[in-house]
PDB file of all heavy atoms in Angstrom:
ATOM      1  N   LEU A   1      41.694  -2.460 -67.990  1.00  0.00           N
ATOM      2  CA  LEU A   1      42.661  -3.583 -67.789  1.00  0.00           C
ATOM      3  C   LEU A   1      43.331  -3.378 -66.359  1.00  0.00           C
ATOM      4  O   LEU A   1      43.608  -4.341 -65.675  1.00  0.00           O
ATOM      5  CB  LEU A   1      43.697  -3.659 -68.884  1.00  0.00           C
ATOM      6  CG  LEU A   1      43.201  -4.114 -70.206  1.00  0.00           C
ATOM      7  CD1 LEU A   1      44.299  -4.051 -71.180  1.00  0.00           C
ATOM      8  CD2 LEU A   1      42.511  -5.452 -70.134  1.00  0.00           C
ATOM      9  N   THR A   2      43.635  -2.046 -66.006  1.00  0.00           N
ATOM     10  CA  THR A   2      44.124  -1.852 -64.746  1.00  0.00           C
ATOM     11  C   THR A   2      43.101  -2.320 -63.663  1.00  0.00           C
ATOM     12  O   THR A   2      43.464  -2.887 -62.550  1.00  0.00           O
ATOM     13  CB  THR A   2      44.331  -0.293 -64.539  1.00  0.00           C
ATOM     14  OG1 THR A   2      45.286   0.066 -65.478  1.00  0.00           O
ATOM     15  CG2 THR A   2      44.940   0.000 -63.153  1.00  0.00           C
ATOM     16  N   GLN A   3      41.723  -2.105 -63.890  1.00  0.00           N
ATOM     17  CA  GLN A   3      40.800  -2.418 -62.850  1.00  0.00           C
ATOM     18  C   GLN A   3      40.734  -4.035 -62.772  1.00  0.00           C
ATOM     19  O   GLN A   3      40.467  -4.529 -61.844  1.00  0.00           O
ATOM     20  CB  GLN A   3      39.482  -1.881 -63.088  1.00  0.00           C
ATOM     21  CG  GLN A   3      39.344  -0.349 -62.880  1.00  0.00           C
ATOM     22  CD  GLN A   3      39.565  -0.177 -61.429  1.00  0.00           C
ATOM     23  OE1 GLN A   3      38.966  -0.700 -60.552  1.00  0.00           O
ATOM     24  NE2 GLN A   3      40.594   0.864 -61.171  1.00  0.00           N
ATOM     25  N   VAL A   4      40.880  -4.649 -63.978  1.00  0.00           N
ATOM     26  CA  VAL A   4      40.911  -6.182 -63.937  1.00  0.00           C
ATOM     27  C   VAL A   4      42.104  -6.554 -62.986  1.00  0.00           C
ATOM     28  O   VAL A   4      41.746  -7.519 -62.276  1.00  0.00           O
ATOM     29  CB  VAL A   4      40.924  -6.656 -65.415  1.00  0.00           C
ATOM     30  CG1 VAL A   4      41.279  -8.129 -65.393  1.00  0.00           C
ATOM     31  CG2 VAL A   4      39.714  -6.403 -66.224  1.00  0.00           C
ATOM     32  N   THR A   5      43.130  -6.037 -63.268  1.00  0.00           N
ATOM     33  CA  THR A   5      44.356  -6.356 -62.458  1.00  0.00           C
ATOM     34  C   THR A   5      44.172  -6.173 -61.032  1.00  0.00           C
ATOM     35  O   THR A   5      44.479  -7.071 -60.152  1.00  0.00           O
ATOM     36  CB  THR A   5      45.655  -5.745 -62.925  1.00  0.00           C
ATOM     37  OG1 THR A   5      45.779  -5.872 -64.402  1.00  0.00           O
ATOM     38  CG2 THR A   5      46.894  -6.043 -62.261  1.00  0.00           C
ATOM     39  N   LEU A   6      43.656  -4.992 -60.575  1.00  0.00           N
ATOM     40  CA  LEU A   6      43.380  -4.612 -59.225  1.00  0.00           C
ATOM     41  C   LEU A   6      42.375  -5.560 -58.553  1.00  0.00           C
ATOM     42  O   LEU A   6      42.497  -5.870 -57.445  1.00  0.00           O
ATOM     43  CB  LEU A   6      43.017  -3.128 -59.013  1.00  0.00           C
ATOM     44  CG  LEU A   6      44.085  -2.116 -59.413  1.00  0.00           C
ATOM     45  CD1 LEU A   6      43.491  -0.764 -59.474  1.00  0.00           C
ATOM     46  CD2 LEU A   6      45.279  -2.234 -58.431  1.00  0.00           C
ATOM     47  N   ASN A   7      41.362  -5.881 -59.337  1.00  0.00           N
ATOM     48  CA  ASN A   7      40.171  -6.639 -58.790  1.00  0.00           C
ATOM     49  C   ASN A   7      40.439  -8.121 -58.876  1.00  0.00           C
ATOM     50  O   ASN A   7      39.705  -8.857 -58.519  1.00  0.00           O
ATOM     51  CB  ASN A   7      38.906  -6.258 -59.536  1.00  0.00           C
ATOM     52  CG  ASN A   7      38.427  -4.864 -59.127  1.00  0.00           C
ATOM     53  OD1 ASN A   7      37.852  -4.810 -57.996  1.00  0.00           O
ATOM     54  ND2 ASN A   7      38.636  -3.922 -59.838  1.00  0.00           N
ATOM     55  N   LYS A   8      41.440  -8.409 -59.655  1.00  0.00           N
ATOM     56  CA  LYS A   8      41.826  -9.800 -60.019  1.00  0.00           C
ATOM     57  C   LYS A   8      40.493 -10.511 -60.625  1.00  0.00           C
ATOM     58  O   LYS A   8      40.116 -11.719 -60.443  1.00  0.00           O
ATOM     59  CB  LYS A   8      42.144 -10.624 -58.736  1.00  0.00           C
ATOM     60  CG  LYS A   8      43.253 -10.105 -57.929  1.00  0.00           C
ATOM     61  CD  LYS A   8      44.586 -10.670 -58.370  1.00  0.00           C
ATOM     62  CE  LYS A   8      45.626 -10.120 -57.378  1.00  0.00           C
ATOM     63  NZ  LYS A   8      46.367  -8.948 -57.846  1.00  0.00           N
ATOM     64  N   GLY A   9      39.825  -9.833 -61.569  1.00  0.00           N
ATOM     65  CA  GLY A   9      38.790 -10.194 -62.252  1.00  0.00           C
ATOM     66  C   GLY A   9      37.987  -9.124 -62.951  1.00  0.00           C
ATOM     67  O   GLY A   9      38.435  -8.013 -62.984  1.00  0.00           O
ATOM     68  N   ILE A  10      36.925  -9.385 -63.645  1.00  0.00           N
ATOM     69  CA  ILE A  10      36.124  -8.345 -64.273  1.00  0.00           C
ATOM     70  C   ILE A  10      35.570  -7.414 -63.101  1.00  0.00           C
ATOM     71  O   ILE A  10      35.149  -7.829 -62.199  1.00  0.00           O
ATOM     72  CB  ILE A  10      34.874  -9.025 -65.102  1.00  0.00           C
ATOM     73  CG1 ILE A  10      35.475  -9.989 -66.130  1.00  0.00           C
ATOM     74  CG2 ILE A  10      33.954  -7.876 -65.704  1.00  0.00           C
ATOM     75  CD1 ILE A  10      36.225  -9.601 -67.133  1.00  0.00           C
ATOM     76  N   PRO A  11      35.753  -6.125 -63.373  1.00  0.00           N
ATOM     77  CA  PRO A  11      35.484  -5.108 -62.324  1.00  0.00           C
ATOM     78  C   PRO A  11      33.974  -4.762 -62.172  1.00  0.00           C
ATOM     79  O   PRO A  11      33.756  -3.702 -61.716  1.00  0.00           O
ATOM     80  CB  PRO A  11      36.332  -3.924 -62.786  1.00  0.00           C
ATOM     81  CG  PRO A  11      36.493  -4.031 -64.190  1.00  0.00           C
ATOM     82  CD  PRO A  11      36.507  -5.479 -64.512  1.00  0.00           C
ATOM     83  N   PHE A  12      33.109  -5.599 -62.739  1.00  0.00           N
ATOM     84  CA  PHE A  12      31.737  -5.380 -62.513  1.00  0.00           C
ATOM     85  C   PHE A  12      31.047  -6.756 -62.475  1.00  0.00           C
ATOM     86  O   PHE A  12      31.567  -7.688 -63.068  1.00  0.00           O
ATOM     87  CB  PHE A  12      31.164  -4.503 -63.612  1.00  0.00           C
ATOM     88  CG  PHE A  12      31.584  -4.780 -64.985  1.00  0.00           C
ATOM     89  CD1 PHE A  12      30.889  -5.683 -65.706  1.00  0.00           C
ATOM     90  CD2 PHE A  12      32.578  -4.016 -65.556  1.00  0.00           C
ATOM     91  CE1 PHE A  12      31.426  -6.002 -67.079  1.00  0.00           C
ATOM     92  CE2 PHE A  12      33.066  -4.427 -66.937  1.00  0.00           C
ATOM     93  CZ  PHE A  12      32.417  -5.351 -67.682  1.00  0.00           C
ATOM     94  N   GLU A  13      29.812  -6.712 -62.039  1.00  0.00           N
ATOM     95  CA  GLU A  13      29.096  -8.085 -62.011  1.00  0.00           C
ATOM     96  C   GLU A  13      28.599  -8.441 -63.367  1.00  0.00           C
ATOM     97  O   GLU A  13      27.970  -7.743 -64.019  1.00  0.00           O
ATOM     98  CB  GLU A  13      27.979  -7.850 -60.964  1.00  0.00           C
ATOM     99  CG  GLU A  13      27.332  -9.161 -60.756  1.00  0.00           C
ATOM    100  CD  GLU A  13      26.179  -8.912 -59.545  1.00  0.00           C
ATOM    101  OE1 GLU A  13      26.040  -7.828 -59.147  1.00  0.00           O
ATOM    102  OE2 GLU A  13      25.577 -10.043 -59.056  1.00  0.00           O
ATOM    103  N   ILE A  14      28.720  -9.770 -63.589  1.00  0.00           N
ATOM    104  CA  ILE A  14      28.271 -10.398 -64.850  1.00  0.00           C
ATOM    105  C   ILE A  14      27.558 -11.477 -64.448  1.00  0.00           C
ATOM    106  O   ILE A  14      27.909 -12.346 -63.688  1.00  0.00           O
ATOM    107  CB  ILE A  14      29.359 -10.831 -65.721  1.00  0.00           C
ATOM    108  CG1 ILE A  14      30.249  -9.725 -66.175  1.00  0.00           C
ATOM    109  CG2 ILE A  14      28.967 -11.559 -66.988  1.00  0.00           C
ATOM    110  CD1 ILE A  14      31.519 -10.151 -66.942  1.00  0.00           C
ATOM    111  N   LYS A  15      26.235 -11.503 -64.972  1.00  0.00           N
ATOM    112  CA  LYS A  15      25.274 -12.567 -64.541  1.00  0.00           C
ATOM    113  C   LYS A  15      24.810 -13.322 -65.826  1.00  0.00           C
ATOM    114  O   LYS A  15      24.552 -12.717 -66.837  1.00  0.00           O
ATOM    115  CB  LYS A  15      23.964 -12.035 -63.851  1.00  0.00           C
ATOM    116  CG  LYS A  15      24.336 -11.415 -62.405  1.00  0.00           C
ATOM    117  CD  LYS A  15      23.138 -10.940 -61.790  1.00  0.00           C
ATOM    118  CE  LYS A  15      23.395 -10.477 -60.426  1.00  0.00           C
ATOM    119  NZ  LYS A  15      22.103 -10.008 -59.724  1.00  0.00           N
ATOM    120  N   ILE A  16      24.421 -14.647 -65.690  1.00  0.00           N
ATOM    121  CA  ILE A  16      23.856 -15.394 -66.755  1.00  0.00           C
ATOM    122  C   ILE A  16      22.404 -15.117 -66.567  1.00  0.00           C
ATOM    123  O   ILE A  16      21.779 -15.410 -65.441  1.00  0.00           O
ATOM    124  CB  ILE A  16      24.150 -16.739 -66.627  1.00  0.00           C
ATOM    125  CG1 ILE A  16      25.777 -16.910 -66.801  1.00  0.00           C
ATOM    126  CG2 ILE A  16      23.421 -17.644 -67.705  1.00  0.00           C
ATOM    127  CD1 ILE A  16      26.247 -18.385 -66.545  1.00  0.00           C
ATOM    128  N   PRO A  17      21.631 -14.712 -67.569  1.00  0.00           N
ATOM    129  CA  PRO A  17      20.186 -14.355 -67.472  1.00  0.00           C
ATOM    130  C   PRO A  17      19.439 -15.660 -67.246  1.00  0.00           C
ATOM    131  O   PRO A  17      19.665 -16.757 -67.710  1.00  0.00           O
ATOM    132  CB  PRO A  17      19.874 -13.693 -68.792  1.00  0.00           C
ATOM    133  CG  PRO A  17      21.034 -13.993 -69.717  1.00  0.00           C
ATOM    134  CD  PRO A  17      22.143 -14.372 -68.921  1.00  0.00           C
ATOM    135  N   ASN A  18      18.429 -15.391 -66.391  1.00  0.00           N
ATOM    136  CA  ASN A  18      17.469 -16.667 -66.184  1.00  0.00           C
ATOM    137  C   ASN A  18      16.716 -16.933 -67.349  1.00  0.00           C
ATOM    138  O   ASN A  18      16.609 -16.150 -68.354  1.00  0.00           O
ATOM    139  CB  ASN A  18      16.659 -16.479 -64.883  1.00  0.00           C
ATOM    140  CG  ASN A  18      15.764 -15.344 -64.906  1.00  0.00           C
ATOM    141  OD1 ASN A  18      15.210 -14.893 -66.070  1.00  0.00           O
ATOM    142  ND2 ASN A  18      15.470 -14.546 -63.816  1.00  0.00           N
ATOM    143  N   ASP A  19      15.856 -17.927 -67.354  1.00  0.00           N
ATOM    144  CA  ASP A  19      15.007 -18.341 -68.477  1.00  0.00           C
ATOM    145  C   ASP A  19      14.072 -17.315 -68.896  1.00  0.00           C
ATOM    146  O   ASP A  19      13.756 -16.950 -70.150  1.00  0.00           O
ATOM    147  CB  ASP A  19      14.273 -19.728 -68.236  1.00  0.00           C
ATOM    148  CG  ASP A  19      15.326 -20.742 -68.267  1.00  0.00           C
ATOM    149  OD1 ASP A  19      16.486 -20.759 -68.791  1.00  0.00           O
ATOM    150  OD2 ASP A  19      14.993 -21.983 -67.714  1.00  0.00           O
ATOM    151  N   GLU A  20      13.437 -16.692 -67.872  1.00  0.00           N
ATOM    152  CA  GLU A  20      12.363 -15.655 -68.185  1.00  0.00           C
ATOM    153  C   GLU A  20      13.154 -14.371 -68.822  1.00  0.00           C
ATOM    154  O   GLU A  20      12.453 -13.899 -69.822  1.00  0.00           O
ATOM    155  CB  GLU A  20      11.714 -15.139 -66.871  1.00  0.00           C
ATOM    156  CG  GLU A  20      10.677 -14.200 -67.051  1.00  0.00           C
ATOM    157  CD  GLU A  20       9.980 -13.716 -65.864  1.00  0.00           C
ATOM    158  OE1 GLU A  20      10.402 -14.340 -64.648  1.00  0.00           O
ATOM    159  OE2 GLU A  20       9.036 -12.833 -65.919  1.00  0.00           O
ATOM    160  N   THR A  21      14.311 -13.979 -68.380  1.00  0.00           N
ATOM    161  CA  THR A  21      14.938 -12.894 -68.857  1.00  0.00           C
ATOM    162  C   THR A  21      15.433 -13.251 -70.460  1.00  0.00           C
ATOM    163  O   THR A  21      15.256 -12.314 -71.282  1.00  0.00           O
ATOM    164  CB  THR A  21      16.039 -12.516 -68.050  1.00  0.00           C
ATOM    165  OG1 THR A  21      15.669 -12.282 -66.859  1.00  0.00           O
ATOM    166  CG2 THR A  21      16.977 -11.307 -68.677  1.00  0.00           C
ATOM    167  N   LYS A  22      15.845 -14.438 -70.631  1.00  0.00           N
ATOM    168  CA  LYS A  22      16.171 -14.916 -72.035  1.00  0.00           C
ATOM    169  C   LYS A  22      14.988 -14.705 -72.961  1.00  0.00           C
ATOM    170  O   LYS A  22      15.181 -14.247 -74.069  1.00  0.00           O
ATOM    171  CB  LYS A  22      16.683 -16.317 -72.014  1.00  0.00           C
ATOM    172  CG  LYS A  22      18.179 -16.533 -71.423  1.00  0.00           C
ATOM    173  CD  LYS A  22      18.456 -18.028 -71.318  1.00  0.00           C
ATOM    174  CE  LYS A  22      19.780 -18.180 -70.558  1.00  0.00           C
ATOM    175  NZ  LYS A  22      20.221 -19.615 -70.411  1.00  0.00           N
ATOM    176  N   VAL A  23      13.780 -15.164 -72.495  1.00  0.00           N
ATOM    177  CA  VAL A  23      12.618 -15.048 -73.352  1.00  0.00           C
ATOM    178  C   VAL A  23      12.259 -13.590 -73.764  1.00  0.00           C
ATOM    179  O   VAL A  23      12.063 -13.204 -74.789  1.00  0.00           O
ATOM    180  CB  VAL A  23      11.499 -15.837 -72.700  1.00  0.00           C
ATOM    181  CG1 VAL A  23      10.079 -15.460 -73.532  1.00  0.00           C
ATOM    182  CG2 VAL A  23      11.611 -17.238 -72.743  1.00  0.00           C
ATOM    183  N   VAL A  24      12.316 -12.666 -72.662  1.00  0.00           N
ATOM    184  CA  VAL A  24      12.097 -11.343 -72.954  1.00  0.00           C
ATOM    185  C   VAL A  24      13.118 -10.801 -73.858  1.00  0.00           C
ATOM    186  O   VAL A  24      12.780  -9.930 -74.716  1.00  0.00           O
ATOM    187  CB  VAL A  24      12.166 -10.548 -71.512  1.00  0.00           C
ATOM    188  CG1 VAL A  24      12.092  -9.028 -71.683  1.00  0.00           C
ATOM    189  CG2 VAL A  24      10.958 -11.032 -70.641  1.00  0.00           C
ATOM    190  N   MET A  25      14.434 -11.042 -73.744  1.00  0.00           N
ATOM    191  CA  MET A  25      15.403 -10.579 -74.531  1.00  0.00           C
ATOM    192  C   MET A  25      15.166 -11.083 -76.044  1.00  0.00           C
ATOM    193  O   MET A  25      15.431 -10.186 -76.988  1.00  0.00           O
ATOM    194  CB  MET A  25      16.885 -11.026 -74.039  1.00  0.00           C
ATOM    195  CG  MET A  25      17.256 -10.337 -72.769  1.00  0.00           C
ATOM    196  SD  MET A  25      18.668 -11.125 -71.966  1.00  0.00           S
ATOM    197  CE  MET A  25      19.934 -10.662 -73.112  1.00  0.00           C
ATOM    198  N   GLN A  26      14.835 -12.168 -76.258  1.00  0.00           N
ATOM    199  CA  GLN A  26      14.562 -12.861 -77.513  1.00  0.00           C
ATOM    200  C   GLN A  26      13.283 -12.048 -78.214  1.00  0.00           C
ATOM    201  O   GLN A  26      13.337 -11.604 -79.344  1.00  0.00           O
ATOM    202  CB  GLN A  26      14.227 -14.262 -77.497  1.00  0.00           C
ATOM    203  CG  GLN A  26      15.488 -15.105 -77.203  1.00  0.00           C
ATOM    204  CD  GLN A  26      15.149 -16.539 -76.922  1.00  0.00           C
ATOM    205  OE1 GLN A  26      13.974 -16.924 -76.842  1.00  0.00           O
ATOM    206  NE2 GLN A  26      16.298 -17.384 -76.933  1.00  0.00           N
ATOM    207  N   ASP A  27      12.198 -11.742 -77.393  1.00  0.00           N
ATOM    208  CA  ASP A  27      11.163 -11.014 -77.728  1.00  0.00           C
ATOM    209  C   ASP A  27      11.539  -9.500 -78.263  1.00  0.00           C
ATOM    210  O   ASP A  27      11.006  -9.128 -79.331  1.00  0.00           O
ATOM    211  CB  ASP A  27      10.041 -10.876 -76.732  1.00  0.00           C
ATOM    212  CG  ASP A  27       9.336 -12.227 -76.446  1.00  0.00           C
ATOM    213  OD1 ASP A  27       9.433 -13.098 -77.302  1.00  0.00           O
ATOM    214  OD2 ASP A  27       8.472 -12.191 -75.540  1.00  0.00           O
ATOM    215  N   ILE A  28      12.340  -8.987 -77.431  1.00  0.00           N
ATOM    216  CA  ILE A  28      12.788  -7.603 -77.798  1.00  0.00           C
ATOM    217  C   ILE A  28      13.660  -7.615 -79.106  1.00  0.00           C
ATOM    218  O   ILE A  28      13.371  -6.816 -80.099  1.00  0.00           O
ATOM    219  CB  ILE A  28      13.656  -7.019 -76.684  1.00  0.00           C
ATOM    220  CG1 ILE A  28      12.876  -6.695 -75.554  1.00  0.00           C
ATOM    221  CG2 ILE A  28      14.404  -5.804 -77.196  1.00  0.00           C
ATOM    222  CD1 ILE A  28      13.633  -6.359 -74.272  1.00  0.00           C
ATOM    223  N   LEU A  29      14.513  -8.604 -79.357  1.00  0.00           N
ATOM    224  CA  LEU A  29      15.190  -8.642 -80.568  1.00  0.00           C
ATOM    225  C   LEU A  29      14.277  -9.004 -81.786  1.00  0.00           C
ATOM    226  O   LEU A  29      14.625  -8.586 -82.804  1.00  0.00           O
ATOM    227  CB  LEU A  29      16.294  -9.744 -80.417  1.00  0.00           C
ATOM    228  CG  LEU A  29      17.408  -9.381 -79.529  1.00  0.00           C
ATOM    229  CD1 LEU A  29      18.370 -10.573 -79.284  1.00  0.00           C
ATOM    230  CD2 LEU A  29      18.176  -8.271 -80.018  1.00  0.00           C
ATOM    231  N   ALA A  30      13.220  -9.641 -81.493  1.00  0.00           N
ATOM    232  CA  ALA A  30      12.250  -9.925 -82.547  1.00  0.00           C
ATOM    233  C   ALA A  30      11.118  -8.937 -82.716  1.00  0.00           C
ATOM    234  O   ALA A  30      10.214  -9.236 -83.426  1.00  0.00           O
ATOM    235  CB  ALA A  30      11.565 -11.342 -82.353  1.00  0.00           C
ATOM    236  N   ASP A  31      11.230  -7.888 -81.893  1.00  0.00           N
ATOM    237  CA  ASP A  31      10.313  -6.793 -81.940  1.00  0.00           C
ATOM    238  C   ASP A  31       8.867  -7.271 -81.612  1.00  0.00           C
ATOM    239  O   ASP A  31       7.846  -6.821 -82.076  1.00  0.00           O
ATOM    240  CB  ASP A  31      10.273  -5.983 -83.201  1.00  0.00           C
ATOM    241  CG  ASP A  31       9.727  -4.646 -83.116  1.00  0.00           C
ATOM    242  OD1 ASP A  31       9.803  -3.968 -81.980  1.00  0.00           O
ATOM    243  OD2 ASP A  31       9.199  -4.120 -84.131  1.00  0.00           O
ATOM    244  N   LYS A  32       8.805  -8.236 -80.559  1.00  0.00           N
ATOM    245  CA  LYS A  32       7.478  -8.761 -80.088  1.00  0.00           C
ATOM    246  C   LYS A  32       7.283  -8.352 -78.690  1.00  0.00           C
ATOM    247  O   LYS A  32       8.259  -8.086 -77.903  1.00  0.00           O
ATOM    248  CB  LYS A  32       7.632 -10.298 -80.138  1.00  0.00           C
ATOM    249  CG  LYS A  32       7.801 -10.888 -81.576  1.00  0.00           C
ATOM    250  CD  LYS A  32       7.791 -12.420 -81.642  1.00  0.00           C
ATOM    251  CE  LYS A  32       7.610 -13.258 -80.391  1.00  0.00           C
ATOM    252  NZ  LYS A  32       7.915 -14.700 -80.481  1.00  0.00           N
ATOM    253  N   ASN A  33       5.980  -8.225 -78.339  1.00  0.00           N
ATOM    254  CA  ASN A  33       5.507  -7.923 -77.002  1.00  0.00           C
ATOM    255  C   ASN A  33       6.031  -6.693 -76.466  1.00  0.00           C
ATOM    256  O   ASN A  33       6.505  -6.645 -75.248  1.00  0.00           O
ATOM    257  CB  ASN A  33       5.780  -9.198 -76.078  1.00  0.00           C
ATOM    258  CG  ASN A  33       5.159 -10.294 -76.521  1.00  0.00           C
ATOM    259  OD1 ASN A  33       3.922 -10.322 -76.893  1.00  0.00           O
ATOM    260  ND2 ASN A  33       5.849 -11.482 -76.370  1.00  0.00           N
ATOM    261  N   ILE A  34       6.176  -5.772 -77.336  1.00  0.00           N
ATOM    262  CA  ILE A  34       6.809  -4.479 -76.923  1.00  0.00           C
ATOM    263  C   ILE A  34       5.788  -3.361 -77.037  1.00  0.00           C
ATOM    264  O   ILE A  34       5.141  -3.191 -78.118  1.00  0.00           O
ATOM    265  CB  ILE A  34       8.018  -4.002 -77.826  1.00  0.00           C
ATOM    266  CG1 ILE A  34       9.107  -5.057 -77.721  1.00  0.00           C
ATOM    267  CG2 ILE A  34       8.625  -2.623 -77.315  1.00  0.00           C
ATOM    268  CD1 ILE A  34      10.267  -4.930 -78.535  1.00  0.00           C
TER     269      ILE A  34
END
């Protein structure tokens, strides 16, 4: 919380995964293509 205050936001990069990454993440959760 101190870092949030000092940085005026989340103190690390947060990205929305692209479509390809989303598919890979779904495959991993379904134990497919591993």
